[in-house]
Amino acid sequence: MANKVHVKKEDTVLVLSGKDKGKKGKVLSVNPSTNQVLVEGVNMSTKHKKPRGRYQQGGIIHQESPVNGSNVMLVCDKCGKPTKVARKILDNGQKARTCKKCDEIIDVILEKKEV
């Protein structure tokens, strides 16, 4: 069974610790098995890339490195504050992620159908 991460792709998060503490960015990818999150513009690393094809250019590339999921906190779109995520059941029976500070719905969770 895979671990759960409290953020999803396309969420806006705030970095809580590390060299990029206080930065906000959009989540590019989430890896639940290692609890790693890739955030846009955070934890930049330098990579030396060799050209592999005839037309591919080599050089020094700056790219994002993953950070631990526990070091980021979701930023609510409505109130703009970093918040924990609560889960509520709506009137129609669907589950939703909500902000614990302003109690607004962040998004509706789509259920996966089992085969």
PDB file of N, CA and C in Angstrom:
ATOM      1  N   MET A   1       0.835  -1.180   0.000  1.00  0.00           N
ATOM      2  CA  MET A   1       0.000   0.000   0.000  1.00  0.00           C
ATOM      3  C   MET A   1       0.884   1.249   0.000  1.00  0.00           C
ATOM      4  N   ALA A   2       0.538   2.197  -0.839  1.00  0.00           N
ATOM      5  CA  ALA A   2       1.353   3.402  -0.996  1.00  0.00           C
ATOM      6  C   ALA A   2       1.090   4.384   0.145  1.00  0.00           C
ATOM      7  N   ASN A   3       2.111   5.154   0.500  1.00  0.00           N
ATOM      8  CA  ASN A   3       1.950   6.197   1.501  1.00  0.00           C
ATOM      9  C   ASN A   3       1.152   7.339   0.912  1.00  0.00           C
ATOM     10  N   LYS A   4       0.559   8.159   1.773  1.00  0.00           N
ATOM     11  CA  LYS A   4      -0.207   9.304   1.296  1.00  0.00           C
ATOM     12  C   LYS A   4       0.571  10.583   1.567  1.00  0.00           C
ATOM     13  N   VAL A   5       0.494  11.489   0.634  1.00  0.00           N
ATOM     14  CA  VAL A   5       1.094  12.809   0.773  1.00  0.00           C
ATOM     15  C   VAL A   5      -0.045  13.811   0.792  1.00  0.00           C
ATOM     16  N   HIS A   6       0.029  14.819   1.645  1.00  0.00           N
ATOM     17  CA  HIS A   6      -1.086  15.746   1.839  1.00  0.00           C
ATOM     18  C   HIS A   6      -1.221  16.788   0.731  1.00  0.00           C
ATOM     19  N   VAL A   7      -0.291  16.828  -0.219  1.00  0.00           N
ATOM     20  CA  VAL A   7      -0.396  17.769  -1.330  1.00  0.00           C
ATOM     21  C   VAL A   7      -0.530  16.997  -2.634  1.00  0.00           C
ATOM     22  N   LYS A   8      -1.074  17.668  -3.640  1.00  0.00           N
ATOM     23  CA  LYS A   8      -1.250  17.073  -4.957  1.00  0.00           C
ATOM     24  C   LYS A   8      -0.525  17.922  -5.991  1.00  0.00           C
ATOM     25  N   LYS A   9      -0.411  17.381  -7.186  1.00  0.00           N
ATOM     26  CA  LYS A   9       0.167  18.115  -8.304  1.00  0.00           C
ATOM     27  C   LYS A   9      -0.692  19.353  -8.562  1.00  0.00           C
ATOM     28  N   GLU A  10      -0.056  20.459  -8.918  1.00  0.00           N
ATOM     29  CA  GLU A  10      -0.690  21.752  -9.214  1.00  0.00           C
ATOM     30  C   GLU A  10      -1.086  22.544  -7.962  1.00  0.00           C
ATOM     31  N   ASP A  11      -0.863  22.021  -6.736  1.00  0.00           N
ATOM     32  CA  ASP A  11      -1.130  22.782  -5.515  1.00  0.00           C
ATOM     33  C   ASP A  11      -0.037  23.830  -5.329  1.00  0.00           C
ATOM     34  N   THR A  12      -0.361  24.917  -4.645  1.00  0.00           N
ATOM     35  CA  THR A  12       0.633  25.908  -4.260  1.00  0.00           C
ATOM     36  C   THR A  12       1.043  25.602  -2.826  1.00  0.00           C
ATOM     37  N   VAL A  13       2.357  25.523  -2.588  1.00  0.00           N
ATOM     38  CA  VAL A  13       2.854  25.169  -1.263  1.00  0.00           C
ATOM     39  C   VAL A  13       3.882  26.181  -0.771  1.00  0.00           C
ATOM     40  N   LEU A  14       4.080  26.190   0.555  1.00  0.00           N
ATOM     41  CA  LEU A  14       5.082  27.013   1.211  1.00  0.00           C
ATOM     42  C   LEU A  14       6.120  26.073   1.806  1.00  0.00           C
ATOM     43  N   VAL A  15       7.409  26.370   1.597  1.00  0.00           N
ATOM     44  CA  VAL A  15       8.480  25.543   2.134  1.00  0.00           C
ATOM     45  C   VAL A  15       8.720  25.948   3.587  1.00  0.00           C
ATOM     46  N   LEU A  16       8.699  24.953   4.497  1.00  0.00           N
ATOM     47  CA  LEU A  16       8.801  25.214   5.932  1.00  0.00           C
ATOM     48  C   LEU A  16      10.229  25.173   6.463  1.00  0.00           C
ATOM     49  N   SER A  17      11.111  24.392   5.827  1.00  0.00           N
ATOM     50  CA  SER A  17      12.477  24.287   6.340  1.00  0.00           C
ATOM     51  C   SER A  17      13.453  24.051   5.203  1.00  0.00           C
ATOM     52  N   GLY A  18      14.723  24.253   5.506  1.00  0.00           N
ATOM     53  CA  GLY A  18      15.771  24.061   4.513  1.00  0.00           C
ATOM     54  C   GLY A  18      16.285  25.387   3.989  1.00  0.00           C
ATOM     55  N   LYS A  19      17.107  25.316   2.946  1.00  0.00           N
ATOM     56  CA  LYS A  19      17.733  26.525   2.410  1.00  0.00           C
ATOM     57  C   LYS A  19      16.734  27.435   1.705  1.00  0.00           C
ATOM     58  N   ASP A  20      15.594  26.892   1.278  1.00  0.00           N
ATOM     59  CA  ASP A  20      14.570  27.683   0.590  1.00  0.00           C
ATOM     60  C   ASP A  20      13.365  27.971   1.482  1.00  0.00           C
ATOM     61  N   LYS A  21      13.583  28.044   2.786  1.00  0.00           N
ATOM     62  CA  LYS A  21      12.502  28.283   3.751  1.00  0.00           C
ATOM     63  C   LYS A  21      11.788  29.598   3.434  1.00  0.00           C
ATOM     64  N   GLY A  22      10.446  29.541   3.389  1.00  0.00           N
ATOM     65  CA  GLY A  22       9.644  30.730   3.137  1.00  0.00           C
ATOM     66  C   GLY A  22       9.251  30.923   1.685  1.00  0.00           C
ATOM     67  N   LYS A  23       9.810  30.145   0.775  1.00  0.00           N
ATOM     68  CA  LYS A  23       9.476  30.277  -0.645  1.00  0.00           C
ATOM     69  C   LYS A  23       8.154  29.582  -0.949  1.00  0.00           C
ATOM     70  N   LYS A  24       7.412  30.156  -1.891  1.00  0.00           N
ATOM     71  CA  LYS A  24       6.179  29.537  -2.372  1.00  0.00           C
ATOM     72  C   LYS A  24       6.408  29.043  -3.792  1.00  0.00           C
ATOM     73  N   GLY A  25       5.733  27.959  -4.137  1.00  0.00           N
ATOM     74  CA  GLY A  25       5.861  27.424  -5.477  1.00  0.00           C
ATOM     75  C   GLY A  25       4.769  26.419  -5.776  1.00  0.00           C
ATOM     76  N   LYS A  26       4.652  26.078  -7.051  1.00  0.00           N
ATOM     77  CA  LYS A  26       3.648  25.122  -7.499  1.00  0.00           C
ATOM     78  C   LYS A  26       4.259  23.722  -7.510  1.00  0.00           C
ATOM     79  N   VAL A  27       3.475  22.734  -7.083  1.00  0.00           N
ATOM     80  CA  VAL A  27       3.948  21.351  -7.059  1.00  0.00           C
ATOM     81  C   VAL A  27       3.953  20.817  -8.485  1.00  0.00           C
ATOM     82  N   LEU A  28       5.120  20.341  -8.939  1.00  0.00           N
ATOM     83  CA  LEU A  28       5.260  19.789 -10.282  1.00  0.00           C
ATOM     84  C   LEU A  28       4.977  18.294 -10.310  1.00  0.00           C
ATOM     85  N   SER A  29       5.417  17.576  -9.262  1.00  0.00           N
ATOM     86  CA  SER A  29       5.148  16.139  -9.177  1.00  0.00           C
ATOM     87  C   SER A  29       5.233  15.687  -7.732  1.00  0.00           C
ATOM     88  N   VAL A  30       4.567  14.549  -7.458  1.00  0.00           N
ATOM     89  CA  VAL A  30       4.541  13.971  -6.116  1.00  0.00           C
ATOM     90  C   VAL A  30       4.899  12.496  -6.231  1.00  0.00           C
ATOM     91  N   ASN A  31       5.805  12.027  -5.372  1.00  0.00           N
ATOM     92  CA  ASN A  31       6.171  10.616  -5.327  1.00  0.00           C
ATOM     93  C   ASN A  31       5.806  10.071  -3.946  1.00  0.00           C
ATOM     94  N   PRO A  32       4.616   9.435  -3.806  1.00  0.00           N
ATOM     95  CA  PRO A  32       4.177   8.979  -2.491  1.00  0.00           C
ATOM     96  C   PRO A  32       5.037   7.877  -1.880  1.00  0.00           C
ATOM     97  N   SER A  33       5.673   7.047  -2.700  1.00  0.00           N
ATOM     98  CA  SER A  33       6.452   5.934  -2.147  1.00  0.00           C
ATOM     99  C   SER A  33       7.674   6.419  -1.376  1.00  0.00           C
ATOM    100  N   THR A  34       8.265   7.541  -1.789  1.00  0.00           N
ATOM    101  CA  THR A  34       9.421   8.101  -1.079  1.00  0.00           C
ATOM    102  C   THR A  34       9.062   9.371  -0.315  1.00  0.00           C
ATOM    103  N   ASN A  35       7.800   9.786  -0.361  1.00  0.00           N
ATOM    104  CA  ASN A  35       7.305  11.004   0.294  1.00  0.00           C
ATOM    105  C   ASN A  35       8.061  12.241  -0.197  1.00  0.00           C
ATOM    106  N   GLN A  36       8.350  12.299  -1.500  1.00  0.00           N
ATOM    107  CA  GLN A  36       9.098  13.398  -2.097  1.00  0.00           C
ATOM    108  C   GLN A  36       8.162  14.267  -2.944  1.00  0.00           C
ATOM    109  N   VAL A  37       8.399  15.566  -2.928  1.00  0.00           N
ATOM    110  CA  VAL A  37       7.605  16.530  -3.683  1.00  0.00           C
ATOM    111  C   VAL A  37       8.557  17.395  -4.491  1.00  0.00           C
ATOM    112  N   LEU A  38       8.246  17.607  -5.766  1.00  0.00           N
ATOM    113  CA  LEU A  38       9.045  18.473  -6.631  1.00  0.00           C
ATOM    114  C   LEU A  38       8.310  19.799  -6.758  1.00  0.00           C
ATOM    115  N   VAL A  39       8.921  20.885  -6.267  1.00  0.00           N
ATOM    116  CA  VAL A  39       8.287  22.205  -6.235  1.00  0.00           C
ATOM    117  C   VAL A  39       9.023  23.139  -7.188  1.00  0.00           C
ATOM    118  N   GLU A  40       8.262  23.906  -7.940  1.00  0.00           N
ATOM    119  CA  GLU A  40       8.812  24.812  -8.949  1.00  0.00           C
ATOM    120  C   GLU A  40       9.660  25.900  -8.298  1.00  0.00           C
ATOM    121  N   GLY A  41      10.935  26.006  -8.707  1.00  0.00           N
ATOM    122  CA  GLY A  41      11.829  27.056  -8.235  1.00  0.00           C
ATOM    123  C   GLY A  41      12.411  26.831  -6.850  1.00  0.00           C
ATOM    124  N   VAL A  42      12.243  25.626  -6.283  1.00  0.00           N
ATOM    125  CA  VAL A  42      12.721  25.335  -4.932  1.00  0.00           C
ATOM    126  C   VAL A  42      13.740  24.207  -4.991  1.00  0.00           C
ATOM    127  N   ASN A  43      14.791  24.298  -4.157  1.00  0.00           N
ATOM    128  CA  ASN A  43      15.852  23.290  -4.058  1.00  0.00           C
ATOM    129  C   ASN A  43      16.528  23.083  -5.415  1.00  0.00           C
ATOM    130  N   MET A  44      16.973  24.178  -6.010  1.00  0.00           N
ATOM    131  CA  MET A  44      17.614  24.129  -7.322  1.00  0.00           C
ATOM    132  C   MET A  44      18.992  23.480  -7.212  1.00  0.00           C
ATOM    133  N   SER A  45      19.289  22.606  -8.163  1.00  0.00           N
ATOM    134  CA  SER A  45      20.598  21.953  -8.205  1.00  0.00           C
ATOM    135  C   SER A  45      21.195  22.150  -9.591  1.00  0.00           C
ATOM    136  N   THR A  46      22.508  22.035  -9.668  1.00  0.00           N
ATOM    137  CA  THR A  46      23.229  22.207 -10.919  1.00  0.00           C
ATOM    138  C   THR A  46      23.616  20.839 -11.454  1.00  0.00           C
ATOM    139  N   LYS A  47      23.357  20.628 -12.737  1.00  0.00           N
ATOM    140  CA  LYS A  47      23.679  19.355 -13.364  1.00  0.00           C
ATOM    141  C   LYS A  47      24.488  19.637 -14.622  1.00  0.00           C
ATOM    142  N   HIS A  48      25.592  18.913 -14.776  1.00  0.00           N
ATOM    143  CA  HIS A  48      26.415  19.034 -15.978  1.00  0.00           C
ATOM    144  C   HIS A  48      25.935  17.986 -16.967  1.00  0.00           C
ATOM    145  N   LYS A  49      25.433  18.446 -18.115  1.00  0.00           N
ATOM    146  CA  LYS A  49      24.836  17.537 -19.091  1.00  0.00           C
ATOM    147  C   LYS A  49      25.693  17.488 -20.347  1.00  0.00           C
ATOM    148  N   LYS A  50      25.949  16.267 -20.785  1.00  0.00           N
ATOM    149  CA  LYS A  50      26.746  16.042 -21.982  1.00  0.00           C
ATOM    150  C   LYS A  50      25.793  15.905 -23.171  1.00  0.00           C
ATOM    151  N   PRO A  51      26.129  16.489 -24.312  1.00  0.00           N
ATOM    152  CA  PRO A  51      25.248  16.319 -25.469  1.00  0.00           C
ATOM    153  C   PRO A  51      25.222  14.865 -25.930  1.00  0.00           C
ATOM    154  N   ARG A  52      24.041  14.310 -26.094  1.00  0.00           N
ATOM    155  CA  ARG A  52      23.914  12.893 -26.448  1.00  0.00           C
ATOM    156  C   ARG A  52      23.644  12.673 -27.932  1.00  0.00           C
ATOM    157  N   GLY A  53      22.976  13.604 -28.566  1.00  0.00           N
ATOM    158  CA  GLY A  53      22.688  13.449 -29.989  1.00  0.00           C
ATOM    159  C   GLY A  53      23.447  14.465 -30.805  1.00  0.00           C
ATOM    160  N   ARG A  54      23.232  14.446 -32.099  1.00  0.00           N
ATOM    161  CA  ARG A  54      23.920  15.374 -32.989  1.00  0.00           C
ATOM    162  C   ARG A  54      23.454  16.811 -32.753  1.00  0.00           C
ATOM    163  N   TYR A  55      22.169  16.985 -32.490  1.00  0.00           N
ATOM    164  CA  TYR A  55      21.608  18.332 -32.359  1.00  0.00           C
ATOM    165  C   TYR A  55      21.316  18.711 -30.914  1.00  0.00           C
ATOM    166  N   GLN A  56      21.594  17.830 -29.970  1.00  0.00           N
ATOM    167  CA  GLN A  56      21.336  18.145 -28.571  1.00  0.00           C
ATOM    168  C   GLN A  56      22.495  18.957 -28.008  1.00  0.00           C
ATOM    169  N   GLN A  57      22.144  19.988 -27.250  1.00  0.00           N
ATOM    170  CA  GLN A  57      23.158  20.877 -26.704  1.00  0.00           C
ATOM    171  C   GLN A  57      23.504  20.459 -25.270  1.00  0.00           C
ATOM    172  N   GLY A  58      24.748  20.485 -24.918  1.00  0.00           N
ATOM    173  CA  GLY A  58      25.188  20.166 -23.568  1.00  0.00           C
ATOM    174  C   GLY A  58      25.415  21.438 -22.782  1.00  0.00           C
ATOM    175  N   GLY A  59      25.846  21.291 -21.542  1.00  0.00           N
ATOM    176  CA  GLY A  59      26.150  22.452 -20.729  1.00  0.00           C
ATOM    177  C   GLY A  59      25.705  22.258 -19.293  1.00  0.00           C
ATOM    178  N   ILE A  60      25.659  23.357 -18.559  1.00  0.00           N
ATOM    179  CA  ILE A  60      25.253  23.332 -17.158  1.00  0.00           C
ATOM    180  C   ILE A  60      23.759  23.646 -17.091  1.00  0.00           C
ATOM    181  N   ILE A  61      23.015  22.757 -16.464  1.00  0.00           N
ATOM    182  CA  ILE A  61      21.562  22.892 -16.370  1.00  0.00           C
ATOM    183  C   ILE A  61      21.183  23.068 -14.907  1.00  0.00           C
ATOM    184  N   HIS A  62      20.287  24.012 -14.633  1.00  0.00           N
ATOM    185  CA  HIS A  62      19.743  24.218 -13.289  1.00  0.00           C
ATOM    186  C   HIS A  62      18.355  23.609 -13.262  1.00  0.00           C
ATOM    187  N   GLN A  63      18.136  22.677 -12.317  1.00  0.00           N
ATOM    188  CA  GLN A  63      16.846  22.005 -12.236  1.00  0.00           C
ATOM    189  C   GLN A  63      16.436  21.823 -10.782  1.00  0.00           C
ATOM    190  N   GLU A  64      15.119  21.623 -10.588  1.00  0.00           N
ATOM    191  CA  GLU A  64      14.591  21.423  -9.251  1.00  0.00           C
ATOM    192  C   GLU A  64      14.920  20.015  -8.764  1.00  0.00           C
ATOM    193  N   SER A  65      15.217  19.905  -7.478  1.00  0.00           N
ATOM    194  CA  SER A  65      15.401  18.614  -6.836  1.00  0.00           C
ATOM    195  C   SER A  65      14.244  18.409  -5.873  1.00  0.00           C
ATOM    196  N   PRO A  66      13.877  17.159  -5.607  1.00  0.00           N
ATOM    197  CA  PRO A  66      12.736  16.927  -4.715  1.00  0.00           C
ATOM    198  C   PRO A  66      13.047  17.279  -3.261  1.00  0.00           C
ATOM    199  N   VAL A  67      12.010  17.683  -2.531  1.00  0.00           N
ATOM    200  CA  VAL A  67      12.089  17.927  -1.095  1.00  0.00           C
ATOM    201  C   VAL A  67      11.126  16.970  -0.402  1.00  0.00           C
ATOM    202  N   ASN A  68      11.325  16.751   0.870  1.00  0.00           N
ATOM    203  CA  ASN A  68      10.462  15.860   1.617  1.00  0.00           C
ATOM    204  C   ASN A  68       9.076  16.482   1.771  1.00  0.00           C
ATOM    205  N   GLY A  69       8.051  15.648   1.710  1.00  0.00           N
ATOM    206  CA  GLY A  69       6.673  16.126   1.806  1.00  0.00           C
ATOM    207  C   GLY A  69       6.349  16.771   3.133  1.00  0.00           C
ATOM    208  N   SER A  70       7.085  16.399   4.192  1.00  0.00           N
ATOM    209  CA  SER A  70       6.825  16.992   5.505  1.00  0.00           C
ATOM    210  C   SER A  70       7.371  18.411   5.612  1.00  0.00           C
ATOM    211  N   ASN A  71       8.188  18.841   4.651  1.00  0.00           N
ATOM    212  CA  ASN A  71       8.779  20.179   4.692  1.00  0.00           C
ATOM    213  C   ASN A  71       7.979  21.208   3.907  1.00  0.00           C
ATOM    214  N   VAL A  72       6.812  20.831   3.398  1.00  0.00           N
ATOM    215  CA  VAL A  72       5.973  21.778   2.665  1.00  0.00           C
ATOM    216  C   VAL A  72       4.577  21.811   3.279  1.00  0.00           C
ATOM    217  N   MET A  73       3.907  22.955   3.131  1.00  0.00           N
ATOM    218  CA  MET A  73       2.553  23.120   3.643  1.00  0.00           C
ATOM    219  C   MET A  73       1.691  23.775   2.570  1.00  0.00           C
ATOM    220  N   LEU A  74       0.499  23.275   2.404  1.00  0.00           N
ATOM    221  CA  LEU A  74      -0.425  23.771   1.393  1.00  0.00           C
ATOM    222  C   LEU A  74      -0.814  25.216   1.672  1.00  0.00           C
ATOM    223  N   VAL A  75      -0.881  26.050   0.626  1.00  0.00           N
ATOM    224  CA  VAL A  75      -1.343  27.424   0.740  1.00  0.00           C
ATOM    225  C   VAL A  75      -2.749  27.483   0.145  1.00  0.00           C
ATOM    226  N   CYS A  76      -3.711  27.958   0.931  1.00  0.00           N
ATOM    227  CA  CYS A  76      -5.111  28.042   0.500  1.00  0.00           C
ATOM    228  C   CYS A  76      -5.248  29.112  -0.587  1.00  0.00           C
ATOM    229  N   ASP A  77      -5.992  28.798  -1.647  1.00  0.00           N
ATOM    230  CA  ASP A  77      -6.214  29.760  -2.731  1.00  0.00           C
ATOM    231  C   ASP A  77      -7.133  30.898  -2.279  1.00  0.00           C
ATOM    232  N   LYS A  78      -8.063  30.611  -1.391  1.00  0.00           N
ATOM    233  CA  LYS A  78      -9.067  31.601  -0.978  1.00  0.00           C
ATOM    234  C   LYS A  78      -8.501  32.619   0.004  1.00  0.00           C
ATOM    235  N   CYS A  79      -7.871  32.118   1.112  1.00  0.00           N
ATOM    236  CA  CYS A  79      -7.381  33.040   2.138  1.00  0.00           C
ATOM    237  C   CYS A  79      -5.899  33.365   1.986  1.00  0.00           C
ATOM    238  N   GLY A  80      -5.163  32.584   1.198  1.00  0.00           N
ATOM    239  CA  GLY A  80      -3.753  32.859   0.938  1.00  0.00           C
ATOM    240  C   GLY A  80      -2.816  32.511   2.072  1.00  0.00           C
ATOM    241  N   LYS A  81      -3.307  31.765   3.073  1.00  0.00           N
ATOM    242  CA  LYS A  81      -2.485  31.404   4.219  1.00  0.00           C
ATOM    243  C   LYS A  81      -2.079  29.935   4.143  1.00  0.00           C
ATOM    244  N   PRO A  82      -0.903  29.581   4.688  1.00  0.00           N
ATOM    245  CA  PRO A  82      -0.544  28.168   4.764  1.00  0.00           C
ATOM    246  C   PRO A  82      -1.453  27.466   5.763  1.00  0.00           C
ATOM    247  N   THR A  83      -1.936  26.289   5.395  1.00  0.00           N
ATOM    248  CA  THR A  83      -2.937  25.619   6.214  1.00  0.00           C
ATOM    249  C   THR A  83      -2.794  24.113   6.145  1.00  0.00           C
ATOM    250  N   LYS A  84      -3.372  23.453   7.130  1.00  0.00           N
ATOM    251  CA  LYS A  84      -3.496  22.003   7.075  1.00  0.00           C
ATOM    252  C   LYS A  84      -4.729  21.685   6.239  1.00  0.00           C
ATOM    253  N   VAL A  85      -4.814  20.434   5.800  1.00  0.00           N
ATOM    254  CA  VAL A  85      -5.925  20.020   4.956  1.00  0.00           C
ATOM    255  C   VAL A  85      -6.889  19.182   5.787  1.00  0.00           C
ATOM    256  N   ALA A  86      -8.170  19.540   5.716  1.00  0.00           N
ATOM    257  CA  ALA A  86      -9.214  18.741   6.346  1.00  0.00           C
ATOM    258  C   ALA A  86     -10.012  18.063   5.250  1.00  0.00           C
ATOM    259  N   ARG A  87     -10.606  16.938   5.568  1.00  0.00           N
ATOM    260  CA  ARG A  87     -11.445  16.227   4.600  1.00  0.00           C
ATOM    261  C   ARG A  87     -12.865  16.224   5.124  1.00  0.00           C
ATOM    262  N   LYS A  88     -13.802  16.645   4.282  1.00  0.00           N
ATOM    263  CA  LYS A  88     -15.215  16.689   4.661  1.00  0.00           C
ATOM    264  C   LYS A  88     -16.041  15.984   3.606  1.00  0.00           C
ATOM    265  N   ILE A  89     -17.180  15.466   4.035  1.00  0.00           N
ATOM    266  CA  ILE A  89     -18.123  14.843   3.111  1.00  0.00           C
ATOM    267  C   ILE A  89     -19.192  15.868   2.780  1.00  0.00           C
ATOM    268  N   LEU A  90     -19.410  16.103   1.481  1.00  0.00           N
ATOM    269  CA  LEU A  90     -20.397  17.082   1.027  1.00  0.00           C
ATOM    270  C   LEU A  90     -21.795  16.485   1.069  1.00  0.00           C
ATOM    271  N   ASP A  91     -22.803  17.322   0.789  1.00  0.00           N
ATOM    272  CA  ASP A  91     -24.197  16.882   0.815  1.00  0.00           C
ATOM    273  C   ASP A  91     -24.487  15.790  -0.203  1.00  0.00           C
ATOM    274  N   ASN A  92     -23.807  15.827  -1.343  1.00  0.00           N
ATOM    275  CA  ASN A  92     -24.054  14.826  -2.391  1.00  0.00           C
ATOM    276  C   ASN A  92     -23.253  13.544  -2.183  1.00  0.00           C
ATOM    277  N   GLY A  93     -22.535  13.419  -1.050  1.00  0.00           N
ATOM    278  CA  GLY A  93     -21.797  12.198  -0.739  1.00  0.00           C
ATOM    279  C   GLY A  93     -20.349  12.203  -1.193  1.00  0.00           C
ATOM    280  N   GLN A  94     -19.903  13.224  -1.897  1.00  0.00           N
ATOM    281  CA  GLN A  94     -18.515  13.293  -2.349  1.00  0.00           C
ATOM    282  C   GLN A  94     -17.631  13.833  -1.227  1.00  0.00           C
ATOM    283  N   LYS A  95     -16.359  13.428  -1.259  1.00  0.00           N
ATOM    284  CA  LYS A  95     -15.388  13.931  -0.295  1.00  0.00           C
ATOM    285  C   LYS A  95     -14.696  15.154  -0.884  1.00  0.00           C
ATOM    286  N   ALA A  96     -14.294  16.077  -0.005  1.00  0.00           N
ATOM    287  CA  ALA A  96     -13.623  17.291  -0.463  1.00  0.00           C
ATOM    288  C   ALA A  96     -12.489  17.637   0.483  1.00  0.00           C
ATOM    289  N   ARG A  97     -11.420  18.223  -0.070  1.00  0.00           N
ATOM    290  CA  ARG A  97     -10.341  18.768   0.741  1.00  0.00           C
ATOM    291  C   ARG A  97     -10.703  20.204   1.076  1.00  0.00           C
ATOM    292  N   THR A  98     -10.628  20.576   2.359  1.00  0.00           N
ATOM    293  CA  THR A  98     -10.988  21.927   2.775  1.00  0.00           C
ATOM    294  C   THR A  98      -9.859  22.549   3.589  1.00  0.00           C
ATOM    295  N   CYS A  99      -9.873  23.876   3.622  1.00  0.00           N
ATOM    296  CA  CYS A  99      -8.906  24.652   4.383  1.00  0.00           C
ATOM    297  C   CYS A  99      -9.347  24.665   5.843  1.00  0.00           C
ATOM    298  N   LYS A 100      -8.428  24.416   6.771  1.00  0.00           N
ATOM    299  CA  LYS A 100      -8.779  24.422   8.189  1.00  0.00           C
ATOM    300  C   LYS A 100      -8.897  25.833   8.752  1.00  0.00           C
ATOM    301  N   LYS A 101      -8.345  26.830   8.057  1.00  0.00           N
ATOM    302  CA  LYS A 101      -8.399  28.199   8.573  1.00  0.00           C
ATOM    303  C   LYS A 101      -9.670  28.927   8.138  1.00  0.00           C
ATOM    304  N   CYS A 102     -10.022  28.840   6.844  1.00  0.00           N
ATOM    305  CA  CYS A 102     -11.198  29.576   6.361  1.00  0.00           C
ATOM    306  C   CYS A 102     -12.375  28.657   6.030  1.00  0.00           C
ATOM    307  N   ASP A 103     -12.186  27.337   6.138  1.00  0.00           N
ATOM    308  CA  ASP A 103     -13.229  26.327   5.927  1.00  0.00           C
ATOM    309  C   ASP A 103     -13.806  26.346   4.511  1.00  0.00           C
ATOM    310  N   GLU A 104     -13.004  26.808   3.533  1.00  0.00           N
ATOM    311  CA  GLU A 104     -13.444  26.803   2.137  1.00  0.00           C
ATOM    312  C   GLU A 104     -12.989  25.511   1.467  1.00  0.00           C
ATOM    313  N   ILE A 105     -13.723  25.082   0.439  1.00  0.00           N
ATOM    314  CA  ILE A 105     -13.391  23.864  -0.289  1.00  0.00           C
ATOM    315  C   ILE A 105     -12.211  24.139  -1.215  1.00  0.00           C
ATOM    316  N   ILE A 106     -11.161  23.322  -1.101  1.00  0.00           N
ATOM    317  CA  ILE A 106      -9.998  23.436  -1.985  1.00  0.00           C
ATOM    318  C   ILE A 106     -10.277  22.692  -3.285  1.00  0.00           C
ATOM    319  N   ASP A 107     -10.654  21.425  -3.177  1.00  0.00           N
ATOM    320  CA  ASP A 107     -11.062  20.651  -4.342  1.00  0.00           C
ATOM    321  C   ASP A 107     -11.838  19.412  -3.897  1.00  0.00           C
ATOM    322  N   VAL A 108     -12.526  18.804  -4.860  1.00  0.00           N
ATOM    323  CA  VAL A 108     -13.315  17.604  -4.603  1.00  0.00           C
ATOM    324  C   VAL A 108     -12.466  16.392  -4.950  1.00  0.00           C
ATOM    325  N   ILE A 109     -12.459  15.406  -4.063  1.00  0.00           N
ATOM    326  CA  ILE A 109     -11.670  14.190  -4.268  1.00  0.00           C
ATOM    327  C   ILE A 109     -12.469  13.224  -5.127  1.00  0.00           C
ATOM    328  N   LEU A 110     -11.865  12.804  -6.231  1.00  0.00           N
ATOM    329  CA  LEU A 110     -12.517  11.837  -7.104  1.00  0.00           C
ATOM    330  C   LEU A 110     -12.172  10.439  -6.631  1.00  0.00           C
ATOM    331  N   GLU A 111     -13.188   9.630  -6.442  1.00  0.00           N
ATOM    332  CA  GLU A 111     -12.994   8.249  -5.966  1.00  0.00           C
ATOM    333  C   GLU A 111     -12.480   7.381  -7.096  1.00  0.00           C
ATOM    334  N   LYS A 112     -11.527   6.500  -6.794  1.00  0.00           N
ATOM    335  CA  LYS A 112     -11.042   5.531  -7.774  1.00  0.00           C
ATOM    336  C   LYS A 112     -11.930   4.301  -7.714  1.00  0.00           C
ATOM    337  N   LYS A 113     -12.392   3.858  -8.863  1.00  0.00           N
ATOM    338  CA  LYS A 113     -13.245   2.673  -8.908  1.00  0.00           C
ATOM    339  C   LYS A 113     -12.386   1.428  -8.950  1.00  0.00           C
ATOM    340  N   GLU A 114     -12.725   0.454  -8.095  1.00  0.00           N
ATOM    341  CA  GLU A 114     -11.979  -0.803  -8.066  1.00  0.00           C
ATOM    342  C   GLU A 114     -12.533  -1.765  -9.083  1.00  0.00           C
ATOM    343  N   VAL A 115     -11.653  -2.551  -9.681  1.00  0.00           N
ATOM    344  CA  VAL A 115     -12.058  -3.499 -10.724  1.00  0.00           C
ATOM    345  C   VAL A 115     -12.305  -4.855 -10.123  1.00  0.00           C
TER     346      VAL A 115
END
